[in-house]
Amino acid sequence: MPVYVFACPICGRFELARPMARAGEAASCPECRREARRVYTPPNHALVSSKIRHAIGAEEASAHEPRVVSHKRGRPLPHRSEPSPPWVLH
């Protein structure tokens, strides 16, 4: 059963395991019993390969703190000398 994060306006965040069919429903806080709304979080990527985890982390970081590029890096792609298909006009 998936675990979801909820936020109580008084007590803060807490986790709750519930069926996926009830994922969007509000929950009651286990401490004060007030209504808490679900906080949408990314899925747990613990079982994903390290390369994919790194790519996800870089994507999340770039959304908030993009790196500034001051010069070109890498090599240009090699020119391919494949013939053009007959339907391509030059």
N, C-alpha and C. Protein backbone atom coordinates (compact mmCIF):
# COMPACT_ATOMS: atom_id res chain seq x y z
N MET A 1 0.85 -1.17 0.00
CA MET A 1 0.00 0.00 0.00
C MET A 1 0.89 1.24 0.00
N PRO A 2 0.61 2.21 -0.86
CA PRO A 2 1.45 3.41 -0.93
C PRO A 2 1.35 4.28 0.31
N VAL A 3 2.41 5.01 0.56
CA VAL A 3 2.46 5.94 1.69
C VAL A 3 2.38 7.35 1.12
N TYR A 4 1.46 8.17 1.67
CA TYR A 4 1.26 9.53 1.20
C TYR A 4 1.59 10.50 2.32
N VAL A 5 2.00 11.71 1.94
CA VAL A 5 2.34 12.75 2.89
C VAL A 5 1.17 13.73 2.97
N PHE A 6 0.77 14.08 4.18
CA PHE A 6 -0.30 15.04 4.41
C PHE A 6 0.23 16.17 5.28
N ALA A 7 -0.39 17.34 5.19
CA ALA A 7 0.04 18.49 5.99
C ALA A 7 -1.13 19.00 6.81
N CYS A 8 -0.96 19.00 8.11
CA CYS A 8 -1.94 19.57 9.03
C CYS A 8 -1.60 21.05 9.22
N PRO A 9 -2.58 21.95 9.20
CA PRO A 9 -2.26 23.38 9.36
C PRO A 9 -1.70 23.71 10.74
N ILE A 10 -1.93 22.87 11.73
CA ILE A 10 -1.45 23.12 13.09
C ILE A 10 -0.18 22.31 13.41
N CYS A 11 -0.22 21.00 13.14
CA CYS A 11 0.85 20.09 13.58
C CYS A 11 1.95 19.87 12.55
N GLY A 12 1.69 20.15 11.28
CA GLY A 12 2.71 19.93 10.25
C GLY A 12 2.47 18.66 9.47
N ARG A 13 3.53 18.14 8.88
CA ARG A 13 3.43 16.98 7.99
C ARG A 13 3.40 15.66 8.75
N PHE A 14 2.70 14.69 8.13
CA PHE A 14 2.70 13.32 8.62
C PHE A 14 2.45 12.40 7.44
N GLU A 15 2.80 11.12 7.58
CA GLU A 15 2.63 10.14 6.52
C GLU A 15 1.49 9.20 6.87
N LEU A 16 0.82 8.73 5.81
CA LEU A 16 -0.32 7.85 6.01
C LEU A 16 -0.37 6.85 4.86
N ALA A 17 -0.47 5.57 5.19
CA ALA A 17 -0.59 4.52 4.18
C ALA A 17 -2.08 4.32 3.91
N ARG A 18 -2.44 4.38 2.63
CA ARG A 18 -3.84 4.17 2.26
C ARG A 18 -3.90 3.69 0.82
N PRO A 19 -5.03 3.10 0.41
CA PRO A 19 -5.15 2.63 -0.97
C PRO A 19 -5.08 3.78 -1.97
N MET A 20 -4.65 3.48 -3.19
CA MET A 20 -4.51 4.51 -4.23
C MET A 20 -5.85 5.16 -4.56
N ALA A 21 -6.94 4.42 -4.42
CA ALA A 21 -8.26 4.96 -4.72
C ALA A 21 -8.64 6.10 -3.77
N ARG A 22 -8.03 6.14 -2.60
CA ARG A 22 -8.33 7.18 -1.61
C ARG A 22 -7.20 8.18 -1.48
N ALA A 23 -6.28 8.21 -2.42
CA ALA A 23 -5.09 9.06 -2.32
C ALA A 23 -5.43 10.54 -2.25
N GLY A 24 -6.42 11.01 -2.97
CA GLY A 24 -6.74 12.43 -3.03
C GLY A 24 -7.63 12.93 -1.90
N GLU A 25 -8.20 12.01 -1.12
CA GLU A 25 -9.10 12.41 -0.04
C GLU A 25 -8.31 13.07 1.09
N ALA A 26 -8.96 13.98 1.78
CA ALA A 26 -8.34 14.60 2.95
C ALA A 26 -8.24 13.56 4.07
N ALA A 27 -7.30 13.74 4.97
CA ALA A 27 -7.11 12.84 6.10
C ALA A 27 -7.21 13.64 7.39
N SER A 28 -7.44 12.96 8.48
CA SER A 28 -7.45 13.66 9.77
C SER A 28 -6.09 13.50 10.42
N CYS A 29 -5.62 14.57 11.02
CA CYS A 29 -4.31 14.59 11.68
C CYS A 29 -4.34 13.61 12.85
N PRO A 30 -3.30 12.77 13.01
CA PRO A 30 -3.29 11.81 14.12
C PRO A 30 -3.16 12.47 15.50
N GLU A 31 -2.69 13.72 15.56
CA GLU A 31 -2.51 14.39 16.85
C GLU A 31 -3.71 15.24 17.24
N CYS A 32 -4.16 16.13 16.35
CA CYS A 32 -5.23 17.07 16.72
C CYS A 32 -6.56 16.75 16.04
N ARG A 33 -6.60 15.78 15.15
CA ARG A 33 -7.79 15.34 14.43
C ARG A 33 -8.38 16.39 13.47
N ARG A 34 -7.61 17.43 13.14
CA ARG A 34 -8.07 18.40 12.13
C ARG A 34 -7.89 17.81 10.75
N GLU A 35 -8.59 18.40 9.78
CA GLU A 35 -8.47 17.94 8.41
C GLU A 35 -7.11 18.36 7.84
N ALA A 36 -6.44 17.42 7.19
CA ALA A 36 -5.12 17.68 6.59
C ALA A 36 -5.21 17.36 5.11
N ARG A 37 -4.56 18.17 4.30
CA ARG A 37 -4.56 17.98 2.85
C ARG A 37 -3.30 17.24 2.42
N ARG A 38 -3.42 16.54 1.31
CA ARG A 38 -2.29 15.78 0.79
C ARG A 38 -1.25 16.72 0.19
N VAL A 39 0.02 16.41 0.45
CA VAL A 39 1.15 17.13 -0.13
C VAL A 39 1.69 16.23 -1.24
N TYR A 40 1.71 16.75 -2.46
CA TYR A 40 2.18 15.94 -3.58
C TYR A 40 3.70 15.92 -3.60
N THR A 41 4.25 14.73 -3.49
CA THR A 41 5.69 14.52 -3.44
C THR A 41 6.10 13.60 -4.58
N PRO A 42 7.36 13.66 -5.01
CA PRO A 42 7.81 12.74 -6.06
C PRO A 42 7.84 11.31 -5.53
N PRO A 43 7.71 10.34 -6.41
CA PRO A 43 7.76 8.96 -5.96
C PRO A 43 9.13 8.60 -5.39
N ASN A 44 9.16 7.55 -4.59
CA ASN A 44 10.41 7.11 -3.97
C ASN A 44 11.28 6.45 -5.04
N HIS A 45 12.43 7.01 -5.30
CA HIS A 45 13.32 6.51 -6.34
C HIS A 45 14.49 5.70 -5.76
N ALA A 46 14.29 5.10 -4.60
CA ALA A 46 15.38 4.36 -3.97
C ALA A 46 15.81 3.15 -4.80
N LEU A 47 14.89 2.55 -5.53
CA LEU A 47 15.21 1.34 -6.29
C LEU A 47 15.61 1.64 -7.73
N VAL A 48 15.73 2.90 -8.10
CA VAL A 48 16.11 3.30 -9.45
C VAL A 48 17.64 3.34 -9.53
N SER A 49 18.16 3.13 -10.72
CA SER A 49 19.61 3.13 -10.89
C SER A 49 20.20 4.50 -10.53
N SER A 50 21.48 4.52 -10.20
CA SER A 50 22.13 5.75 -9.76
C SER A 50 22.16 6.80 -10.88
N LYS A 51 22.29 6.38 -12.14
CA LYS A 51 22.31 7.34 -13.25
C LYS A 51 20.96 8.05 -13.37
N ILE A 52 19.89 7.32 -13.22
CA ILE A 52 18.56 7.92 -13.32
C ILE A 52 18.31 8.82 -12.11
N ARG A 53 18.72 8.39 -10.92
CA ARG A 53 18.57 9.24 -9.72
C ARG A 53 19.34 10.54 -9.90
N HIS A 54 20.54 10.48 -10.47
CA HIS A 54 21.34 11.68 -10.71
C HIS A 54 20.64 12.61 -11.70
N ALA A 55 20.08 12.03 -12.77
CA ALA A 55 19.37 12.83 -13.77
C ALA A 55 18.14 13.50 -13.16
N ILE A 56 17.41 12.79 -12.32
CA ILE A 56 16.23 13.37 -11.66
C ILE A 56 16.66 14.49 -10.73
N GLY A 57 17.72 14.29 -9.98
CA GLY A 57 18.22 15.33 -9.09
C GLY A 57 18.67 16.56 -9.83
N ALA A 58 19.35 16.36 -10.96
CA ALA A 58 19.81 17.49 -11.76
C ALA A 58 18.63 18.25 -12.36
N GLU A 59 17.60 17.52 -12.77
CA GLU A 59 16.41 18.17 -13.33
C GLU A 59 15.71 19.01 -12.27
N GLU A 60 15.56 18.46 -11.06
CA GLU A 60 14.91 19.22 -9.99
C GLU A 60 15.72 20.45 -9.61
N ALA A 61 17.04 20.31 -9.56
CA ALA A 61 17.89 21.45 -9.20
C ALA A 61 17.83 22.53 -10.27
N SER A 62 17.78 22.13 -11.53
CA SER A 62 17.79 23.12 -12.60
C SER A 62 16.48 23.91 -12.66
N ALA A 63 15.41 23.37 -12.11
CA ALA A 63 14.14 24.10 -12.11
C ALA A 63 14.21 25.31 -11.19
N HIS A 64 15.00 25.22 -10.14
CA HIS A 64 15.07 26.30 -9.15
C HIS A 64 16.38 27.08 -9.21
N GLU A 65 17.46 26.43 -9.59
CA GLU A 65 18.78 27.06 -9.61
C GLU A 65 19.49 26.70 -10.91
N PRO A 66 19.07 27.25 -12.05
CA PRO A 66 19.74 26.87 -13.30
C PRO A 66 21.18 27.33 -13.33
N ARG A 67 22.03 26.49 -13.90
CA ARG A 67 23.44 26.85 -14.03
C ARG A 67 23.61 27.81 -15.20
N VAL A 68 24.49 28.76 -15.06
CA VAL A 68 24.78 29.72 -16.12
C VAL A 68 25.97 29.20 -16.91
N VAL A 69 25.80 29.12 -18.22
CA VAL A 69 26.86 28.61 -19.10
C VAL A 69 27.63 29.80 -19.65
N SER A 70 28.96 29.79 -19.48
CA SER A 70 29.77 30.90 -19.96
C SER A 70 30.54 30.55 -21.24
N HIS A 71 30.68 29.25 -21.54
CA HIS A 71 31.35 28.86 -22.78
C HIS A 71 30.84 27.49 -23.21
N LYS A 72 31.10 27.17 -24.50
CA LYS A 72 30.67 25.89 -25.03
C LYS A 72 31.52 24.77 -24.46
N ARG A 73 30.91 23.62 -24.31
CA ARG A 73 31.64 22.45 -23.84
C ARG A 73 31.41 21.29 -24.79
N GLY A 74 32.29 20.34 -24.77
CA GLY A 74 32.13 19.15 -25.58
C GLY A 74 32.62 19.32 -27.01
N ARG A 75 32.41 18.27 -27.79
CA ARG A 75 32.83 18.28 -29.19
C ARG A 75 31.61 18.37 -30.08
N PRO A 76 31.77 18.95 -31.28
CA PRO A 76 30.63 18.97 -32.20
C PRO A 76 30.31 17.57 -32.69
N LEU A 77 29.07 17.35 -33.05
CA LEU A 77 28.67 16.05 -33.58
C LEU A 77 29.30 15.84 -34.95
N PRO A 78 29.67 14.61 -35.28
CA PRO A 78 30.25 14.35 -36.60
C PRO A 78 29.22 14.57 -37.70
N HIS A 79 29.70 15.05 -38.84
CA HIS A 79 28.82 15.28 -39.98
C HIS A 79 28.54 13.94 -40.64
N ARG A 80 27.27 13.67 -40.86
CA ARG A 80 26.89 12.41 -41.51
C ARG A 80 26.71 12.66 -43.01
N SER A 81 27.28 11.80 -43.80
CA SER A 81 27.17 11.97 -45.25
C SER A 81 26.18 10.97 -45.82
N GLU A 82 25.02 10.86 -45.18
CA GLU A 82 23.98 9.95 -45.68
C GLU A 82 23.21 10.66 -46.79
N PRO A 83 22.81 9.93 -47.78
CA PRO A 83 22.03 10.55 -48.86
C PRO A 83 20.65 10.96 -48.34
N SER A 84 20.13 12.05 -48.90
CA SER A 84 18.80 12.52 -48.50
C SER A 84 17.75 11.66 -49.18
N PRO A 85 16.64 11.42 -48.50
CA PRO A 85 15.57 10.66 -49.16
C PRO A 85 15.02 11.47 -50.35
N PRO A 86 14.46 10.80 -51.35
CA PRO A 86 14.03 11.50 -52.57
C PRO A 86 12.91 12.50 -52.33
N TRP A 87 12.17 12.39 -51.26
CA TRP A 87 11.06 13.33 -51.02
C TRP A 87 11.50 14.63 -50.34
N VAL A 88 12.77 14.73 -49.96
CA VAL A 88 13.27 15.95 -49.32
C VAL A 88 13.77 16.90 -50.39
N LEU A 89 13.23 18.11 -50.40
CA LEU A 89 13.66 19.11 -51.37
C LEU A 89 14.85 19.89 -50.81
N HIS A 90 15.76 20.24 -51.68
CA HIS A 90 16.94 21.00 -51.24
C HIS A 90 16.77 22.45 -51.54
